[in-house]
C-alpha atoms as a PDB file:
ATOM      1  CA  UNK A   1     -14.466   0.166  16.616  1.00  0.00           C
ATOM      2  CA  UNK A   2     -13.225   1.808  13.370  1.00  0.00           C
ATOM      3  CA  UNK A   3     -10.376   4.299  13.428  1.00  0.00           C
ATOM      4  CA  UNK A   4     -10.358   7.827  12.031  1.00  0.00           C
ATOM      5  CA  UNK A   5      -7.584   9.856  10.431  1.00  0.00           C
ATOM      6  CA  UNK A   6      -6.766  12.839  12.648  1.00  0.00           C
ATOM      7  CA  UNK A   7      -4.505  15.848  12.862  1.00  0.00           C
ATOM      8  CA  UNK A   8      -2.773  15.492  16.206  1.00  0.00           C
ATOM      9  CA  UNK A   9      -1.176  18.297  18.198  1.00  0.00           C
ATOM     10  CA  UNK A  10       0.213  17.409  21.581  1.00  0.00           C
ATOM     11  CA  UNK A  11      -2.575  15.797  23.561  1.00  0.00           C
ATOM     12  CA  UNK A  12      -5.403  16.995  21.326  1.00  0.00           C
ATOM     13  CA  UNK A  13      -6.758  16.026  17.936  1.00  0.00           C
ATOM     14  CA  UNK A  14      -9.040  17.371  15.219  1.00  0.00           C
ATOM     15  CA  UNK A  15     -10.762  15.567  12.375  1.00  0.00           C
ATOM     16  CA  UNK A  16     -11.458  16.761   8.858  1.00  0.00           C
ATOM     17  CA  UNK A  17     -14.964  17.736   7.808  1.00  0.00           C
ATOM     18  CA  UNK A  18     -15.347  14.385   6.020  1.00  0.00           C
ATOM     19  CA  UNK A  19     -14.243  12.354   9.036  1.00  0.00           C
ATOM     20  CA  UNK A  20     -16.507  14.409  11.315  1.00  0.00           C
ATOM     21  CA  UNK A  21     -19.421  13.656   9.012  1.00  0.00           C
ATOM     22  CA  UNK A  22     -18.652   9.928   9.222  1.00  0.00           C
ATOM     23  CA  UNK A  23     -18.733  10.104  13.012  1.00  0.00           C
ATOM     24  CA  UNK A  24     -21.962  12.072  12.936  1.00  0.00           C
ATOM     25  CA  UNK A  25     -23.633   9.557  10.603  1.00  0.00           C
ATOM     26  CA  UNK A  26     -22.417   6.703  12.832  1.00  0.00           C
ATOM     27  CA  UNK A  27     -24.240   8.389  15.727  1.00  0.00           C
ATOM     28  CA  UNK A  28     -21.246   9.096  17.922  1.00  0.00           C
ATOM     29  CA  UNK A  29     -21.655  11.726  20.650  1.00  0.00           C
ATOM     30  CA  UNK A  30     -19.425  13.997  22.711  1.00  0.00           C
ATOM     31  CA  UNK A  31     -17.840  11.965  25.489  1.00  0.00           C
ATOM     32  CA  UNK A  32     -17.585   8.839  23.337  1.00  0.00           C
ATOM     33  CA  UNK A  33     -14.239   7.117  22.891  1.00  0.00           C
ATOM     34  CA  UNK A  34     -12.860   6.559  19.382  1.00  0.00           C
ATOM     35  CA  UNK A  35      -9.665   5.282  17.781  1.00  0.00           C
ATOM     36  CA  UNK A  36      -7.626   7.778  15.789  1.00  0.00           C
ATOM     37  CA  UNK A  37      -4.413   7.528  13.734  1.00  0.00           C
ATOM     38  CA  UNK A  38      -2.032  10.078  12.265  1.00  0.00           C
ATOM     39  CA  UNK A  39      -1.166   8.285   8.998  1.00  0.00           C
ATOM     40  CA  UNK A  40       2.531   8.096   9.937  1.00  0.00           C
ATOM     41  CA  UNK A  41       2.512   5.060  12.223  1.00  0.00           C
ATOM     42  CA  UNK A  42       0.852   6.115  15.483  1.00  0.00           C
ATOM     43  CA  UNK A  43      -2.652   5.478  16.733  1.00  0.00           C
ATOM     44  CA  UNK A  44      -4.488   6.365  19.918  1.00  0.00           C
ATOM     45  CA  UNK A  45      -7.576   5.911  22.005  1.00  0.00           C
ATOM     46  CA  UNK A  46      -9.243   9.320  22.241  1.00  0.00           C
ATOM     47  CA  UNK A  47     -12.340  11.040  23.612  1.00  0.00           C
ATOM     48  CA  UNK A  48     -14.642  13.323  21.632  1.00  0.00           C
ATOM     49  CA  UNK A  49     -15.150  16.745  23.184  1.00  0.00           C
ATOM     50  CA  UNK A  50     -16.876  18.478  20.280  1.00  0.00           C
ATOM     51  CA  UNK A  51     -18.815  16.928  17.401  1.00  0.00           C
ATOM     52  CA  UNK A  52     -21.031  18.299  14.657  1.00  0.00           C
ATOM     53  CA  UNK A  53     -21.557  17.195  11.089  1.00  0.00           C
ATOM     54  CA  UNK A  54     -18.679  19.521  10.116  1.00  0.00           C
ATOM     55  CA  UNK A  55     -16.201  19.445  13.008  1.00  0.00           C
ATOM     56  CA  UNK A  56     -14.861  16.965  15.520  1.00  0.00           C
ATOM     57  CA  UNK A  57     -12.120  17.342  18.100  1.00  0.00           C
ATOM     58  CA  UNK A  58     -11.075  16.024  21.459  1.00  0.00           C
ATOM     59  CA  UNK A  59      -8.265  14.771  23.658  1.00  0.00           C
ATOM     60  CA  UNK A  60      -5.993  11.744  23.478  1.00  0.00           C
ATOM     61  CA  UNK A  61      -6.416   9.181  26.239  1.00  0.00           C
ATOM     62  CA  UNK A  62      -3.597   6.740  25.500  1.00  0.00           C
ATOM     63  CA  UNK A  63      -1.469   5.373  22.650  1.00  0.00           C
ATOM     64  CA  UNK A  64      -2.488   2.066  21.091  1.00  0.00           C
ATOM     65  CA  UNK A  65       0.421  -0.364  20.532  1.00  0.00           C
ATOM     66  CA  UNK A  66       1.274  -1.109  16.909  1.00  0.00           C
ATOM     67  CA  UNK A  67       3.670  -3.698  15.525  1.00  0.00           C
ATOM     68  CA  UNK A  68       4.955  -2.565  12.109  1.00  0.00           C
ATOM     69  CA  UNK A  69       5.607  -5.071   9.291  1.00  0.00           C
ATOM     70  CA  UNK A  70       8.932  -6.931   9.350  1.00  0.00           C
ATOM     71  CA  UNK A  71      10.192  -5.018   6.288  1.00  0.00           C
ATOM     72  CA  UNK A  72       9.256  -2.183   3.968  1.00  0.00           C
ATOM     73  CA  UNK A  73       7.797  -3.528   0.721  1.00  0.00           C
ATOM     74  CA  UNK A  74       7.972  -1.188  -2.274  1.00  0.00           C
ATOM     75  CA  UNK A  75       5.430  -2.642  -4.688  1.00  0.00           C
ATOM     76  CA  UNK A  76       6.543  -1.839  -8.238  1.00  0.00           C
ATOM     77  CA  UNK A  77       3.429  -2.548 -10.260  1.00  0.00           C
ATOM     78  CA  UNK A  78       3.073  -2.038 -13.985  1.00  0.00           C
ATOM     79  CA  UNK A  79       0.118   0.142 -14.900  1.00  0.00           C
ATOM     80  CA  UNK A  80      -3.021  -1.971 -15.279  1.00  0.00           C
ATOM     81  CA  UNK A  81      -6.719  -1.156 -15.615  1.00  0.00           C
ATOM     82  CA  UNK A  82      -8.292   1.332 -13.198  1.00  0.00           C
ATOM     83  CA  UNK A  83     -10.519  -1.196 -11.351  1.00  0.00           C
ATOM     84  CA  UNK A  84      -7.624  -3.660 -11.026  1.00  0.00           C
ATOM     85  CA  UNK A  85      -5.296  -0.930  -9.754  1.00  0.00           C
ATOM     86  CA  UNK A  86      -7.777   0.215  -7.141  1.00  0.00           C
ATOM     87  CA  UNK A  87      -8.251  -3.367  -5.954  1.00  0.00           C
ATOM     88  CA  UNK A  88      -4.462  -3.775  -5.778  1.00  0.00           C
ATOM     89  CA  UNK A  89      -4.060  -0.598  -3.727  1.00  0.00           C
ATOM     90  CA  UNK A  90      -6.798  -1.587  -1.305  1.00  0.00           C
ATOM     91  CA  UNK A  91      -5.721  -5.173  -0.684  1.00  0.00           C
ATOM     92  CA  UNK A  92      -1.978  -4.505  -0.521  1.00  0.00           C
ATOM     93  CA  UNK A  93      -2.459  -1.622   1.911  1.00  0.00           C
ATOM     94  CA  UNK A  94      -4.392  -3.963   4.181  1.00  0.00           C
ATOM     95  CA  UNK A  95      -1.527  -6.462   3.967  1.00  0.00           C
ATOM     96  CA  UNK A  96       1.067  -3.848   4.958  1.00  0.00           C
ATOM     97  CA  UNK A  97       2.847  -2.592   1.816  1.00  0.00           C
ATOM     98  CA  UNK A  98       5.069   0.407   2.575  1.00  0.00           C
ATOM     99  CA  UNK A  99       5.007   2.174  -0.809  1.00  0.00           C
ATOM    100  CA  UNK A 100       3.461   1.858  -4.269  1.00  0.00           C
ATOM    101  CA  UNK A 101       5.656   2.535  -7.284  1.00  0.00           C
ATOM    102  CA  UNK A 102       3.708   2.767 -10.571  1.00  0.00           C
ATOM    103  CA  UNK A 103       5.884   1.453 -13.411  1.00  0.00           C
ATOM    104  CA  UNK A 104       5.648   2.051 -17.146  1.00  0.00           C
ATOM    105  CA  UNK A 105       6.544  -1.242 -18.837  1.00  0.00           C
ATOM    106  CA  UNK A 106       6.127  -2.505 -22.388  1.00  0.00           C
ATOM    107  CA  UNK A 107       2.604  -3.872 -21.939  1.00  0.00           C
ATOM    108  CA  UNK A 108       1.356  -1.505 -19.244  1.00  0.00           C
ATOM    109  CA  UNK A 109      -1.875   0.434 -19.603  1.00  0.00           C
ATOM    110  CA  UNK A 110      -0.814   3.894 -20.789  1.00  0.00           C
ATOM    111  CA  UNK A 111      -4.235   5.385 -20.013  1.00  0.00           C
ATOM    112  CA  UNK A 112      -4.010   4.682 -16.287  1.00  0.00           C
ATOM    113  CA  UNK A 113      -1.358   7.280 -15.510  1.00  0.00           C
ATOM    114  CA  UNK A 114      -2.859  10.193 -17.436  1.00  0.00           C
ATOM    115  CA  UNK A 115      -4.100  13.148 -15.342  1.00  0.00           C
ATOM    116  CA  UNK A 116      -1.749  12.046 -12.574  1.00  0.00           C
ATOM    117  CA  UNK A 117      -2.803  14.639  -9.983  1.00  0.00           C
ATOM    118  CA  UNK A 118      -6.409  13.433 -10.152  1.00  0.00           C
ATOM    119  CA  UNK A 119      -5.307   9.812  -9.922  1.00  0.00           C
ATOM    120  CA  UNK A 120      -3.039  10.577  -6.965  1.00  0.00           C
ATOM    121  CA  UNK A 121      -5.870  12.128  -4.958  1.00  0.00           C
ATOM    122  CA  UNK A 122      -8.226   9.218  -5.640  1.00  0.00           C
ATOM    123  CA  UNK A 123      -5.560   6.634  -4.863  1.00  0.00           C
ATOM    124  CA  UNK A 124      -4.678   8.364  -1.592  1.00  0.00           C
ATOM    125  CA  UNK A 125      -8.336   8.194  -0.554  1.00  0.00           C
ATOM    126  CA  UNK A 126      -8.348   4.457  -1.302  1.00  0.00           C
ATOM    127  CA  UNK A 127      -5.282   3.977   0.900  1.00  0.00           C
ATOM    128  CA  UNK A 128      -6.845   5.948   3.761  1.00  0.00           C
ATOM    129  CA  UNK A 129     -10.028   3.879   3.534  1.00  0.00           C
ATOM    130  CA  UNK A 130      -8.003   0.653   3.583  1.00  0.00           C
ATOM    131  CA  UNK A 131      -6.022   1.837   6.626  1.00  0.00           C
ATOM    132  CA  UNK A 132      -9.248   2.584   8.450  1.00  0.00           C
ATOM    133  CA  UNK A 133     -10.588  -0.852   7.545  1.00  0.00           C
ATOM    134  CA  UNK A 134      -7.576  -2.843   8.748  1.00  0.00           C
ATOM    135  CA  UNK A 135      -6.570  -0.413  11.527  1.00  0.00           C
ATOM    136  CA  UNK A 136      -3.011   0.145  10.400  1.00  0.00           C
ATOM    137  CA  UNK A 137      -1.823   3.627  11.392  1.00  0.00           C
ATOM    138  CA  UNK A 138       0.608   4.169   8.499  1.00  0.00           C
ATOM    139  CA  UNK A 139      -0.647   5.296   5.086  1.00  0.00           C
ATOM    140  CA  UNK A 140       1.589   3.900   2.313  1.00  0.00           C
ATOM    141  CA  UNK A 141       3.505   6.236   0.047  1.00  0.00           C
ATOM    142  CA  UNK A 142       2.507   6.669  -3.598  1.00  0.00           C
ATOM    143  CA  UNK A 143       5.600   7.384  -5.674  1.00  0.00           C
ATOM    144  CA  UNK A 144       5.650   9.135  -9.024  1.00  0.00           C
ATOM    145  CA  UNK A 145       5.509   6.851 -12.088  1.00  0.00           C
ATOM    146  CA  UNK A 146       8.867   5.773 -13.530  1.00  0.00           C
ATOM    147  CA  UNK A 147      10.046   3.594 -16.385  1.00  0.00           C
ATOM    148  CA  UNK A 148      10.725  -0.085 -15.811  1.00  0.00           C
ATOM    149  CA  UNK A 149      14.492   0.406 -15.967  1.00  0.00           C
ATOM    150  CA  UNK A 150      14.382   3.396 -13.593  1.00  0.00           C
ATOM    151  CA  UNK A 151      12.526   1.248 -11.066  1.00  0.00           C
ATOM    152  CA  UNK A 152      15.096  -1.548 -11.453  1.00  0.00           C
ATOM    153  CA  UNK A 153      17.892   0.928 -10.793  1.00  0.00           C
ATOM    154  CA  UNK A 154      16.334   2.501  -7.719  1.00  0.00           C
ATOM    155  CA  UNK A 155      15.304  -0.391  -5.485  1.00  0.00           C
ATOM    156  CA  UNK A 156      17.631  -3.115  -4.245  1.00  0.00           C
ATOM    157  CA  UNK A 157      17.320  -5.880  -3.288  1.00  0.00           C
ATOM    158  CA  UNK A 158      14.307  -6.808  -5.377  1.00  0.00           C
ATOM    159  CA  UNK A 159      12.461  -9.769  -6.817  1.00  0.00           C
ATOM    160  CA  UNK A 160      10.288  -9.956  -9.914  1.00  0.00           C
ATOM    161  CA  UNK A 161       7.286 -12.242 -10.241  1.00  0.00           C
ATOM    162  CA  UNK A 162       7.339 -13.979 -13.616  1.00  0.00           C
ATOM    163  CA  UNK A 163       5.029 -16.681 -14.919  1.00  0.00           C
ATOM    164  CA  UNK A 164       7.865 -18.126 -17.023  1.00  0.00           C
ATOM    165  CA  UNK A 165       9.986 -18.923 -13.971  1.00  0.00           C
ATOM    166  CA  UNK A 166       9.688 -22.601 -13.045  1.00  0.00           C
ATOM    167  CA  UNK A 167      12.531 -23.332 -10.611  1.00  0.00           C
ATOM    168  CA  UNK A 168      12.662 -20.538  -8.014  1.00  0.00           C
ATOM    169  CA  UNK A 169       9.652 -20.027  -5.761  1.00  0.00           C
ATOM    170  CA  UNK A 170       9.017 -16.734  -4.033  1.00  0.00           C
ATOM    171  CA  UNK A 171       9.441 -18.486  -0.684  1.00  0.00           C
ATOM    172  CA  UNK A 172      12.955 -19.679  -1.521  1.00  0.00           C
ATOM    173  CA  UNK A 173      13.965 -16.300  -2.960  1.00  0.00           C
ATOM    174  CA  UNK A 174      12.747 -14.508   0.162  1.00  0.00           C
ATOM    175  CA  UNK A 175      15.054 -16.648   2.293  1.00  0.00           C
ATOM    176  CA  UNK A 176      18.039 -15.058   0.521  1.00  0.00           C
ATOM    177  CA  UNK A 177      16.896 -11.547   1.530  1.00  0.00           C
ATOM    178  CA  UNK A 178      15.639 -12.444   4.990  1.00  0.00           C
ATOM    179  CA  UNK A 179      17.576  -9.609   6.640  1.00  0.00           C
ATOM    180  CA  UNK A 180      16.611  -6.937   4.095  1.00  0.00           C
ATOM    181  CA  UNK A 181      14.691  -4.072   5.708  1.00  0.00           C
ATOM    182  CA  UNK A 182      13.467  -2.796   2.332  1.00  0.00           C
ATOM    183  CA  UNK A 183      12.490  -5.005  -0.599  1.00  0.00           C
ATOM    184  CA  UNK A 184      11.353  -4.146  -4.101  1.00  0.00           C
ATOM    185  CA  UNK A 185       8.595  -6.386  -5.426  1.00  0.00           C
ATOM    186  CA  UNK A 186       7.913  -6.233  -9.177  1.00  0.00           C
ATOM    187  CA  UNK A 187       4.513  -7.242 -10.541  1.00  0.00           C
ATOM    188  CA  UNK A 188       3.902  -7.222 -14.293  1.00  0.00           C
ATOM    189  CA  UNK A 189       0.974  -5.873 -16.297  1.00  0.00           C
ATOM    190  CA  UNK A 190      -1.917  -7.759 -17.848  1.00  0.00           C
ATOM    191  CA  UNK A 191      -0.137  -9.832 -20.498  1.00  0.00           C
ATOM    192  CA  UNK A 192       3.021 -10.094 -18.386  1.00  0.00           C
ATOM    193  CA  UNK A 193       6.558  -8.873 -18.885  1.00  0.00           C
ATOM    194  CA  UNK A 194       8.351  -9.310 -22.187  1.00  0.00           C
ATOM    195  CA  UNK A 195      11.380 -11.598 -22.404  1.00  0.00           C
ATOM    196  CA  UNK A 196      13.549  -8.509 -22.915  1.00  0.00           C
ATOM    197  CA  UNK A 197      12.276  -6.967 -19.685  1.00  0.00           C
ATOM    198  CA  UNK A 198      13.029 -10.120 -17.729  1.00  0.00           C
ATOM    199  CA  UNK A 199      16.543 -10.187 -19.154  1.00  0.00           C
ATOM    200  CA  UNK A 200      16.972  -6.539 -18.156  1.00  0.00           C
ATOM    201  CA  UNK A 201      15.802  -7.337 -14.622  1.00  0.00           C
ATOM    202  CA  UNK A 202      18.304 -10.182 -14.377  1.00  0.00           C
ATOM    203  CA  UNK A 203      21.036  -7.815 -15.568  1.00  0.00           C
ATOM    204  CA  UNK A 204      20.271  -5.650 -12.540  1.00  0.00           C
ATOM    205  CA  UNK A 205      20.501  -8.719 -10.250  1.00  0.00           C
ATOM    206  CA  UNK A 206      16.762  -8.840  -9.659  1.00  0.00           C
ATOM    207  CA  UNK A 207      15.750 -12.435  -9.022  1.00  0.00           C
ATOM    208  CA  UNK A 208      12.828 -13.888 -11.007  1.00  0.00           C
ATOM    209  CA  UNK A 209      10.395 -15.943  -8.911  1.00  0.00           C
ATOM    210  CA  UNK A 210       7.325 -18.095  -9.395  1.00  0.00           C
ATOM    211  CA  UNK A 211       4.024 -17.661  -7.556  1.00  0.00           C
ATOM    212  CA  UNK A 212       2.928 -21.193  -8.432  1.00  0.00           C
ATOM    213  CA  UNK A 213       1.525 -23.071 -11.386  1.00  0.00           C
ATOM    214  CA  UNK A 214      -1.549 -20.917 -11.989  1.00  0.00           C
ATOM    215  CA  UNK A 215      -1.536 -17.743 -14.086  1.00  0.00           C
ATOM    216  CA  UNK A 216      -2.768 -14.989 -11.761  1.00  0.00           C
ATOM    217  CA  UNK A 217      -4.321 -11.643 -12.514  1.00  0.00           C
ATOM    218  CA  UNK A 218      -1.894  -8.803 -11.853  1.00  0.00           C
ATOM    219  CA  UNK A 219      -3.812  -7.560  -8.805  1.00  0.00           C
ATOM    220  CA  UNK A 220      -4.022 -11.096  -7.403  1.00  0.00           C
ATOM    221  CA  UNK A 221      -0.303 -11.652  -7.945  1.00  0.00           C
ATOM    222  CA  UNK A 222       0.450  -8.396  -6.134  1.00  0.00           C
ATOM    223  CA  UNK A 223      -1.666  -9.446  -3.164  1.00  0.00           C
ATOM    224  CA  UNK A 224      -0.188 -12.945  -2.932  1.00  0.00           C
ATOM    225  CA  UNK A 225       3.409 -11.768  -3.337  1.00  0.00           C
ATOM    226  CA  UNK A 226       3.019  -8.917  -0.840  1.00  0.00           C
ATOM    227  CA  UNK A 227       1.591 -11.255   1.780  1.00  0.00           C
ATOM    228  CA  UNK A 228       4.418 -13.759   1.251  1.00  0.00           C
ATOM    229  CA  UNK A 229       7.087 -11.063   1.482  1.00  0.00           C
ATOM    230  CA  UNK A 230       5.802  -9.885   4.869  1.00  0.00           C
ATOM    231  CA  UNK A 231       5.680 -13.278   6.561  1.00  0.00           C
END
């Protein structure tokens, strides 16, 4: 049973016109039970009391237990191509990333972050769709773009995935921050970080880690690293 994003007030809920249309197309009826979530970490079993192709509302039956991830991952990803970014957002939301921090680094794709308000709306819709798919009740945050150094300054502890690192695996680095409730995770752009950027990260005590011997696409690296950080 898929879940639907709802506005919840007390023991009642209402769905947006778009969500109501999805229910209508899926041939739900009044009296049917559905799963709903508020986007902030709570989800419920609920019953439909009214349903048209424009409106849907009802009452909450019971909360559905949810176990949140072991820590909050802030994924600091350098701007990459639009399709790759959308894949990254989708997959990493399903894994359980807490927040996405777009980063402007030396080799990042400058075009991606233009017309930010439009991008923000589209990205939010991708996150909502991913939450519905994997049934997590918490929609990740999308933070405003910052420079690479600003991101390094704002999130501690943090690790940075770097294809030039050969001695420290992400698994071993994660053991040193096992008790951290929030962790910054830096993923470079297509073409990778420059040597100067890695040196800057090390200056801020960000540990460089390897994801293995293969060179991964940025969106793949983000997915692999996010999964590892939440185990």
